[in-house]
Amino acid sequence: MFNFDKKYLYIILGVFVLFNIYDRLTNQTSLLTLILTLPAILLAITFHEFAHAFAADKLGDETPRNQGRLTLNPLKHIDPVGFALLIVAGFGWGKPVQVNPYRFKRDISMTKAEAIVSFAGPLMNLILAILSAMFLTSIIKFNLFTNLSSQVYSLILIFLIQFCTINIGLCIFNLIPLPPLDGSKILYHFISEDKKEWFIRNEQILHIVFLGIWVTGLAGKIITPCIRGVLKGIFFIVGKLFNIDIGLM
């Protein structure tokens, strides 16, 4: 049976990420964006993984709680490679929350419970994206923070846009139905047992497929337009709610 050690996946991605970070550090504009992006990434990953842990805990599995994952401490949720990917590409992942599906409550099926736990993370990111867009729109609409300098005011707006974008990227990327992403667990609930067994049996190969679509840039070509489309849609809807043309897109 074909076997692929996941550590090689992370090594290859790590090397690729380091080259991207080095390129960004040589450009002052990219460096400023990087500095503003770091706290946005920390918050997005932390809430994403916390949502997984919270959902599992509510469904009866105390594994995340026992492992200290039911917390908003970023240090408990950061995966180095996934964190770096979010910096350079706008999509990535956090440290996976471990769950024991046999501990879920029996009032729903095991696969449904796993799907709910998996979907909780991307859903949290979508909610955060909407809230940040609403906050940004409120600042513009009601002239908040006008007592601050123009530079600080601009940095706040840039941060909120970055935070919104990062959350959308984290949401969309993790919904891709390939292991080890959340989308694979969600997919398992909606497919037949034989197809699920095929996915599990070929998980190692699918990891290589996952690596290939990222390294070749195919992931970016697919996801980036999706991120822009969702970002544009969110700001359009929020702009309509606040009766203002934000003018960011």
C-alpha atoms as a PDB file:
ATOM      1  CA  MET A   1       0.000   0.000   0.000  1.00  0.00           C
ATOM      2  CA  PHE A   2       1.279   3.455  -0.901  1.00  0.00           C
ATOM      3  CA  ASN A   3       2.542   5.386   2.109  1.00  0.00           C
ATOM      4  CA  PHE A   4       3.386   9.076   2.329  1.00  0.00           C
ATOM      5  CA  ASP A   5       4.812  10.645   5.476  1.00  0.00           C
ATOM      6  CA  LYS A   6       3.026  13.919   6.176  1.00  0.00           C
ATOM      7  CA  LYS A   7       6.223  15.456   7.514  1.00  0.00           C
ATOM      8  CA  TYR A   8       7.552  15.651   3.942  1.00  0.00           C
ATOM      9  CA  LEU A   9       4.458  17.633   2.990  1.00  0.00           C
ATOM     10  CA  TYR A  10       5.205  20.154   5.702  1.00  0.00           C
ATOM     11  CA  ILE A  11       8.924  20.318   4.860  1.00  0.00           C
ATOM     12  CA  ILE A  12       8.230  21.061   1.190  1.00  0.00           C
ATOM     13  CA  LEU A  13       5.568  23.634   2.028  1.00  0.00           C
ATOM     14  CA  GLY A  14       7.841  25.160   4.667  1.00  0.00           C
ATOM     15  CA  VAL A  15      10.708  25.666   2.214  1.00  0.00           C
ATOM     16  CA  PHE A  16       8.369  27.187  -0.348  1.00  0.00           C
ATOM     17  CA  VAL A  17       6.894  29.516   2.275  1.00  0.00           C
ATOM     18  CA  LEU A  18      10.327  30.696   3.442  1.00  0.00           C
ATOM     19  CA  PHE A  19      11.206  31.781  -0.103  1.00  0.00           C
ATOM     20  CA  ASN A  20       7.959  33.748  -0.325  1.00  0.00           C
ATOM     21  CA  ILE A  21       8.535  35.439   3.031  1.00  0.00           C
ATOM     22  CA  TYR A  22      12.071  36.414   1.994  1.00  0.00           C
ATOM     23  CA  ASP A  23      10.748  38.049  -1.188  1.00  0.00           C
ATOM     24  CA  ARG A  24       8.178  40.029   0.797  1.00  0.00           C
ATOM     25  CA  LEU A  25      10.744  41.231   3.333  1.00  0.00           C
ATOM     26  CA  THR A  26      12.708  42.965   0.564  1.00  0.00           C
ATOM     27  CA  ASN A  27       9.759  45.253  -0.241  1.00  0.00           C
ATOM     28  CA  GLN A  28       8.748  47.982   2.243  1.00  0.00           C
ATOM     29  CA  THR A  29       5.084  47.996   1.211  1.00  0.00           C
ATOM     30  CA  SER A  30       4.873  44.228   1.511  1.00  0.00           C
ATOM     31  CA  LEU A  31       6.662  44.426   4.856  1.00  0.00           C
ATOM     32  CA  LEU A  32       4.048  46.863   6.234  1.00  0.00           C
ATOM     33  CA  THR A  33       1.255  44.637   4.956  1.00  0.00           C
ATOM     34  CA  LEU A  34       2.974  41.658   6.578  1.00  0.00           C
ATOM     35  CA  ILE A  35       3.136  43.439   9.951  1.00  0.00           C
ATOM     36  CA  LEU A  36      -0.565  44.327   9.783  1.00  0.00           C
ATOM     37  CA  THR A  37      -1.437  40.827   8.624  1.00  0.00           C
ATOM     38  CA  LEU A  38       0.182  38.968  11.530  1.00  0.00           C
ATOM     39  CA  PRO A  39      -2.374  39.896  14.232  1.00  0.00           C
ATOM     40  CA  ALA A  40      -5.205  39.320  11.745  1.00  0.00           C
ATOM     41  CA  ILE A  41      -3.913  35.805  11.064  1.00  0.00           C
ATOM     42  CA  LEU A  42      -3.485  35.037  14.754  1.00  0.00           C
ATOM     43  CA  LEU A  43      -7.072  36.057  15.473  1.00  0.00           C
ATOM     44  CA  ALA A  44      -8.509  34.240  12.444  1.00  0.00           C
ATOM     45  CA  ILE A  45      -6.747  30.933  13.226  1.00  0.00           C
ATOM     46  CA  THR A  46      -7.470  31.146  16.945  1.00  0.00           C
ATOM     47  CA  PHE A  47     -11.207  31.644  16.487  1.00  0.00           C
ATOM     48  CA  HIS A  48     -11.301  29.003  13.726  1.00  0.00           C
ATOM     49  CA  GLU A  49      -9.772  26.296  15.898  1.00  0.00           C
ATOM     50  CA  PHE A  50     -11.665  27.418  19.000  1.00  0.00           C
ATOM     51  CA  ALA A  51     -14.907  26.980  17.031  1.00  0.00           C
ATOM     52  CA  HIS A  52     -13.940  23.373  16.233  1.00  0.00           C
ATOM     53  CA  ALA A  53     -13.169  22.700  19.902  1.00  0.00           C
ATOM     54  CA  PHE A  54     -16.329  24.439  21.102  1.00  0.00           C
ATOM     55  CA  ALA A  55     -18.559  22.495  18.700  1.00  0.00           C
ATOM     56  CA  ALA A  56     -16.984  19.170  19.668  1.00  0.00           C
ATOM     57  CA  ASP A  57     -17.349  19.979  23.353  1.00  0.00           C
ATOM     58  CA  LYS A  58     -21.033  20.875  22.933  1.00  0.00           C
ATOM     59  CA  LEU A  59     -21.602  17.617  21.058  1.00  0.00           C
ATOM     60  CA  GLY A  60     -20.229  15.629  23.982  1.00  0.00           C
ATOM     61  CA  ASP A  61     -16.561  15.093  23.125  1.00  0.00           C
ATOM     62  CA  GLU A  62     -14.305  16.504  25.851  1.00  0.00           C
ATOM     63  CA  THR A  63     -11.085  15.640  24.006  1.00  0.00           C
ATOM     64  CA  PRO A  64     -10.388  19.238  22.865  1.00  0.00           C
ATOM     65  CA  ARG A  65     -11.125  20.513  26.389  1.00  0.00           C
ATOM     66  CA  ASN A  66      -8.767  17.942  27.935  1.00  0.00           C
ATOM     67  CA  GLN A  67      -6.042  18.915  25.447  1.00  0.00           C
ATOM     68  CA  GLY A  68      -6.373  22.609  26.277  1.00  0.00           C
ATOM     69  CA  ARG A  69      -7.888  23.591  22.920  1.00  0.00           C
ATOM     70  CA  LEU A  70     -11.071  25.127  24.339  1.00  0.00           C
ATOM     71  CA  THR A  71      -9.291  28.456  24.657  1.00  0.00           C
ATOM     72  CA  LEU A  72      -8.653  31.705  22.778  1.00  0.00           C
ATOM     73  CA  ASN A  73      -4.922  31.498  23.473  1.00  0.00           C
ATOM     74  CA  PRO A  74      -3.302  31.691  19.987  1.00  0.00           C
ATOM     75  CA  LEU A  75      -0.297  29.622  21.096  1.00  0.00           C
ATOM     76  CA  LYS A  76      -2.567  26.592  21.491  1.00  0.00           C
ATOM     77  CA  HIS A  77      -3.833  26.765  17.913  1.00  0.00           C
ATOM     78  CA  ILE A  78      -0.964  27.814  15.629  1.00  0.00           C
ATOM     79  CA  ASP A  79       0.464  25.412  13.059  1.00  0.00           C
ATOM     80  CA  PRO A  80       3.779  26.901  11.818  1.00  0.00           C
ATOM     81  CA  VAL A  81       3.349  25.987   8.153  1.00  0.00           C
ATOM     82  CA  GLY A  82      -0.346  26.827   8.002  1.00  0.00           C
ATOM     83  CA  PHE A  83       0.392  30.139   9.720  1.00  0.00           C
ATOM     84  CA  ALA A  84       3.139  30.966   7.226  1.00  0.00           C
ATOM     85  CA  LEU A  85       0.856  30.027   4.325  1.00  0.00           C
ATOM     86  CA  LEU A  86      -1.724  32.526   5.499  1.00  0.00           C
ATOM     87  CA  ILE A  87       0.951  35.215   5.526  1.00  0.00           C
ATOM     88  CA  VAL A  88       2.150  34.649   1.971  1.00  0.00           C
ATOM     89  CA  ALA A  89      -0.953  33.269   0.257  1.00  0.00           C
ATOM     90  CA  GLY A  90      -3.984  34.401   2.247  1.00  0.00           C
ATOM     91  CA  PHE A  91      -5.117  30.829   2.937  1.00  0.00           C
ATOM     92  CA  GLY A  92      -3.870  28.134   5.273  1.00  0.00           C
ATOM     93  CA  TRP A  93      -4.748  26.270   8.453  1.00  0.00           C
ATOM     94  CA  GLY A  94      -4.229  26.036  12.206  1.00  0.00           C
ATOM     95  CA  LYS A  95      -3.191  23.142  14.418  1.00  0.00           C
ATOM     96  CA  PRO A  96      -5.899  20.492  13.930  1.00  0.00           C
ATOM     97  CA  VAL A  97      -8.276  19.970  16.830  1.00  0.00           C
ATOM     98  CA  GLN A  98      -8.337  16.281  17.742  1.00  0.00           C
ATOM     99  CA  VAL A  99     -11.764  14.769  18.375  1.00  0.00           C
ATOM    100  CA  ASN A 100     -13.015  11.333  19.356  1.00  0.00           C
ATOM    101  CA  PRO A 101     -16.214  10.731  17.347  1.00  0.00           C
ATOM    102  CA  TYR A 102     -17.193   7.829  19.645  1.00  0.00           C
ATOM    103  CA  ARG A 103     -17.722  10.354  22.439  1.00  0.00           C
ATOM    104  CA  PHE A 104     -20.273  12.397  20.525  1.00  0.00           C
ATOM    105  CA  LYS A 105     -23.859  12.338  21.746  1.00  0.00           C
ATOM    106  CA  ARG A 106     -25.922   9.643  20.117  1.00  0.00           C
ATOM    107  CA  ASP A 107     -28.890  11.858  19.219  1.00  0.00           C
ATOM    108  CA  ILE A 108     -27.214  12.541  15.851  1.00  0.00           C
ATOM    109  CA  SER A 109     -25.094  10.324  13.616  1.00  0.00           C
ATOM    110  CA  MET A 110     -21.341  10.211  14.053  1.00  0.00           C
ATOM    111  CA  THR A 111     -20.657  11.525  10.544  1.00  0.00           C
ATOM    112  CA  LYS A 112     -23.119  14.384  11.026  1.00  0.00           C
ATOM    113  CA  ALA A 113     -21.437  15.350  14.295  1.00  0.00           C
ATOM    114  CA  GLU A 114     -18.012  15.279  12.619  1.00  0.00           C
ATOM    115  CA  ALA A 115     -19.376  17.411   9.771  1.00  0.00           C
ATOM    116  CA  ILE A 116     -20.773  19.956  12.232  1.00  0.00           C
ATOM    117  CA  VAL A 117     -17.457  20.155  14.098  1.00  0.00           C
ATOM    118  CA  SER A 118     -15.567  20.536  10.817  1.00  0.00           C
ATOM    119  CA  PHE A 119     -17.916  23.210   9.480  1.00  0.00           C
ATOM    120  CA  ALA A 120     -17.773  25.209  12.728  1.00  0.00           C
ATOM    121  CA  GLY A 121     -14.299  26.552  11.891  1.00  0.00           C
ATOM    122  CA  PRO A 122     -15.032  27.928   8.398  1.00  0.00           C
ATOM    123  CA  LEU A 123     -18.395  29.242   9.624  1.00  0.00           C
ATOM    124  CA  MET A 124     -16.663  31.165  12.414  1.00  0.00           C
ATOM    125  CA  ASN A 125     -14.317  32.739   9.853  1.00  0.00           C
ATOM    126  CA  LEU A 126     -17.235  33.777   7.658  1.00  0.00           C
ATOM    127  CA  ILE A 127     -18.934  35.389  10.671  1.00  0.00           C
ATOM    128  CA  LEU A 128     -15.731  37.240  11.584  1.00  0.00           C
ATOM    129  CA  ALA A 129     -15.374  38.454   7.989  1.00  0.00           C
ATOM    130  CA  ILE A 130     -18.913  39.847   8.031  1.00  0.00           C
ATOM    131  CA  LEU A 131     -18.417  41.489  11.447  1.00  0.00           C
ATOM    132  CA  SER A 132     -15.148  43.119  10.376  1.00  0.00           C
ATOM    133  CA  ALA A 133     -16.807  44.428   7.200  1.00  0.00           C
ATOM    134  CA  MET A 134     -19.634  45.847   9.307  1.00  0.00           C
ATOM    135  CA  PHE A 135     -17.167  47.489  11.706  1.00  0.00           C
ATOM    136  CA  LEU A 136     -15.202  49.006   8.829  1.00  0.00           C
ATOM    137  CA  THR A 137     -18.401  50.279   7.243  1.00  0.00           C
ATOM    138  CA  SER A 138     -19.492  51.790  10.572  1.00  0.00           C
ATOM    139  CA  ILE A 139     -16.181  53.646  10.832  1.00  0.00           C
ATOM    140  CA  ILE A 140     -16.673  55.170   7.385  1.00  0.00           C
ATOM    141  CA  LYS A 141     -20.407  55.795   7.760  1.00  0.00           C
ATOM    142  CA  PHE A 142     -20.309  57.453  11.179  1.00  0.00           C
ATOM    143  CA  ASN A 143     -16.864  59.078  10.889  1.00  0.00           C
ATOM    144  CA  LEU A 144     -15.435  57.155  13.832  1.00  0.00           C
ATOM    145  CA  PHE A 145     -11.830  57.656  14.953  1.00  0.00           C
ATOM    146  CA  THR A 146     -11.679  61.040  13.214  1.00  0.00           C
ATOM    147  CA  ASN A 147      -9.613  62.333  16.145  1.00  0.00           C
ATOM    148  CA  LEU A 148      -6.780  60.012  15.149  1.00  0.00           C
ATOM    149  CA  SER A 149      -4.071  60.912  12.677  1.00  0.00           C
ATOM    150  CA  SER A 150      -4.679  60.048   9.041  1.00  0.00           C
ATOM    151  CA  GLN A 151      -1.883  57.457   9.161  1.00  0.00           C
ATOM    152  CA  VAL A 152      -3.369  55.620  12.154  1.00  0.00           C
ATOM    153  CA  TYR A 153      -6.857  55.863  10.636  1.00  0.00           C
ATOM    154  CA  SER A 154      -5.587  54.323   7.396  1.00  0.00           C
ATOM    155  CA  LEU A 155      -3.823  51.526   9.286  1.00  0.00           C
ATOM    156  CA  ILE A 156      -7.074  50.636  11.081  1.00  0.00           C
ATOM    157  CA  LEU A 157      -8.932  50.411   7.782  1.00  0.00           C
ATOM    158  CA  ILE A 158      -6.147  48.353   6.186  1.00  0.00           C
ATOM    159  CA  PHE A 159      -6.114  45.993   9.169  1.00  0.00           C
ATOM    160  CA  LEU A 160      -9.872  45.438   8.968  1.00  0.00           C
ATOM    161  CA  ILE A 161      -9.683  44.755   5.237  1.00  0.00           C
ATOM    162  CA  GLN A 162      -6.822  42.309   5.839  1.00  0.00           C
ATOM    163  CA  PHE A 163      -8.732  40.658   8.676  1.00  0.00           C
ATOM    164  CA  CYS A 164     -11.803  40.263   6.497  1.00  0.00           C
ATOM    165  CA  THR A 165      -9.745  38.879   3.597  1.00  0.00           C
ATOM    166  CA  ILE A 166      -7.787  36.445   5.775  1.00  0.00           C
ATOM    167  CA  ASN A 167     -10.968  35.068   7.323  1.00  0.00           C
ATOM    168  CA  ILE A 168     -12.554  34.557   3.913  1.00  0.00           C
ATOM    169  CA  GLY A 169      -9.405  32.831   2.686  1.00  0.00           C
ATOM    170  CA  LEU A 170      -9.288  30.570   5.739  1.00  0.00           C
ATOM    171  CA  CYS A 171     -12.971  29.728   5.286  1.00  0.00           C
ATOM    172  CA  ILE A 172     -12.801  28.907   1.573  1.00  0.00           C
ATOM    173  CA  PHE A 173      -9.488  27.053   1.692  1.00  0.00           C
ATOM    174  CA  ASN A 174     -10.582  24.775   4.526  1.00  0.00           C
ATOM    175  CA  LEU A 175     -13.790  23.877   2.708  1.00  0.00           C
ATOM    176  CA  ILE A 176     -11.804  22.191  -0.080  1.00  0.00           C
ATOM    177  CA  PRO A 177     -12.879  18.511   0.141  1.00  0.00           C
ATOM    178  CA  LEU A 178      -9.362  17.103   0.377  1.00  0.00           C
ATOM    179  CA  PRO A 179      -7.717  15.698   3.519  1.00  0.00           C
ATOM    180  CA  PRO A 180      -6.489  17.060   5.847  1.00  0.00           C
ATOM    181  CA  LEU A 181      -8.846  20.028   5.330  1.00  0.00           C
ATOM    182  CA  ASP A 182     -12.247  20.465   6.974  1.00  0.00           C
ATOM    183  CA  GLY A 183     -14.057  20.009   3.677  1.00  0.00           C
ATOM    184  CA  SER A 184     -13.138  16.316   3.560  1.00  0.00           C
ATOM    185  CA  LYS A 185     -14.902  15.600   6.871  1.00  0.00           C
ATOM    186  CA  ILE A 186     -17.934  17.569   5.731  1.00  0.00           C
ATOM    187  CA  LEU A 187     -17.989  15.640   2.441  1.00  0.00           C
ATOM    188  CA  TYR A 188     -17.897  12.282   4.259  1.00  0.00           C
ATOM    189  CA  HIS A 189     -21.335  12.952   5.728  1.00  0.00           C
ATOM    190  CA  PHE A 190     -22.928  13.370   2.302  1.00  0.00           C
ATOM    191  CA  ILE A 191     -21.374  10.481   0.375  1.00  0.00           C
ATOM    192  CA  SER A 192     -22.001   6.743   0.516  1.00  0.00           C
ATOM    193  CA  GLU A 193     -19.912   4.424   2.692  1.00  0.00           C
ATOM    194  CA  ASP A 194     -18.025   2.918  -0.258  1.00  0.00           C
ATOM    195  CA  LYS A 195     -16.984   6.370  -1.490  1.00  0.00           C
ATOM    196  CA  LYS A 196     -15.990   7.367   2.037  1.00  0.00           C
ATOM    197  CA  GLU A 197     -13.872   4.227   2.321  1.00  0.00           C
ATOM    198  CA  TRP A 198     -12.213   5.137  -0.999  1.00  0.00           C
ATOM    199  CA  PHE A 199     -11.269   8.561   0.357  1.00  0.00           C
ATOM    200  CA  ILE A 200      -9.884   7.064   3.561  1.00  0.00           C
ATOM    201  CA  ARG A 201      -8.028   4.330   1.682  1.00  0.00           C
ATOM    202  CA  ASN A 202      -6.409   6.864  -0.668  1.00  0.00           C
ATOM    203  CA  GLU A 203      -5.804   9.579   1.929  1.00  0.00           C
ATOM    204  CA  GLN A 204      -2.032   9.530   1.414  1.00  0.00           C
ATOM    205  CA  ILE A 205      -2.399  10.037  -2.338  1.00  0.00           C
ATOM    206  CA  LEU A 206      -4.886  12.841  -1.759  1.00  0.00           C
ATOM    207  CA  HIS A 207      -2.313  14.529   0.469  1.00  0.00           C
ATOM    208  CA  ILE A 208       0.039  14.588  -2.523  1.00  0.00           C
ATOM    209  CA  VAL A 209      -2.769  15.983  -4.699  1.00  0.00           C
ATOM    210  CA  PHE A 210      -3.267  18.664  -2.064  1.00  0.00           C
ATOM    211  CA  LEU A 211       0.462  19.439  -2.130  1.00  0.00           C
ATOM    212  CA  GLY A 212       0.476  19.517  -5.928  1.00  0.00           C
ATOM    213  CA  ILE A 213      -2.374  21.993  -6.343  1.00  0.00           C
ATOM    214  CA  TRP A 214      -0.684  24.334  -3.880  1.00  0.00           C
ATOM    215  CA  VAL A 215       2.925  24.145  -5.107  1.00  0.00           C
ATOM    216  CA  THR A 216       1.891  24.488  -8.760  1.00  0.00           C
ATOM    217  CA  GLY A 217      -0.108  27.605  -7.946  1.00  0.00           C
ATOM    218  CA  LEU A 218      -3.379  25.972  -8.969  1.00  0.00           C
ATOM    219  CA  ALA A 219      -4.821  26.514  -5.483  1.00  0.00           C
ATOM    220  CA  GLY A 220      -4.155  30.231  -5.725  1.00  0.00           C
ATOM    221  CA  LYS A 221      -5.706  30.481  -9.183  1.00  0.00           C
ATOM    222  CA  ILE A 222      -8.862  28.780  -7.918  1.00  0.00           C
ATOM    223  CA  ILE A 223      -9.133  30.301  -4.456  1.00  0.00           C
ATOM    224  CA  THR A 224      -8.014  33.901  -5.057  1.00  0.00           C
ATOM    225  CA  PRO A 225     -10.948  34.748  -7.392  1.00  0.00           C
ATOM    226  CA  CYS A 226     -13.291  33.082  -4.889  1.00  0.00           C
ATOM    227  CA  ILE A 227     -11.874  35.207  -2.066  1.00  0.00           C
ATOM    228  CA  ARG A 228     -12.294  38.376  -4.123  1.00  0.00           C
ATOM    229  CA  GLY A 229     -15.823  37.404  -5.091  1.00  0.00           C
ATOM    230  CA  VAL A 230     -16.902  36.675  -1.516  1.00  0.00           C
ATOM    231  CA  LEU A 231     -15.152  39.829  -0.265  1.00  0.00           C
ATOM    232  CA  LYS A 232     -16.920  41.910  -2.895  1.00  0.00           C
ATOM    233  CA  GLY A 233     -20.248  40.274  -2.059  1.00  0.00           C
ATOM    234  CA  ILE A 234     -19.884  40.881   1.680  1.00  0.00           C
ATOM    235  CA  PHE A 235     -19.004  44.551   1.244  1.00  0.00           C
ATOM    236  CA  PHE A 236     -21.801  44.995  -1.278  1.00  0.00           C
ATOM    237  CA  ILE A 237     -24.397  43.559   1.118  1.00  0.00           C
ATOM    238  CA  VAL A 238     -23.018  45.418   4.137  1.00  0.00           C
ATOM    239  CA  GLY A 239     -22.878  48.617   2.096  1.00  0.00           C
ATOM    240  CA  LYS A 240     -26.533  48.193   1.195  1.00  0.00           C
ATOM    241  CA  LEU A 241     -27.442  47.631   4.863  1.00  0.00           C
ATOM    242  CA  PHE A 242     -25.644  50.814   5.875  1.00  0.00           C
ATOM    243  CA  ASN A 243     -26.793  52.670   2.759  1.00  0.00           C
ATOM    244  CA  ILE A 244     -23.264  53.589   1.767  1.00  0.00           C
ATOM    245  CA  ASP A 245     -20.975  52.859  -1.168  1.00  0.00           C
ATOM    246  CA  ILE A 246     -17.822  51.735   0.586  1.00  0.00           C
ATOM    247  CA  GLY A 247     -15.757  52.092  -2.580  1.00  0.00           C
ATOM    248  CA  LEU A 248     -13.223  49.431  -1.597  1.00  0.00           C
ATOM    249  CA  MET A 249     -13.807  47.046  -4.473  1.00  0.00           C
END
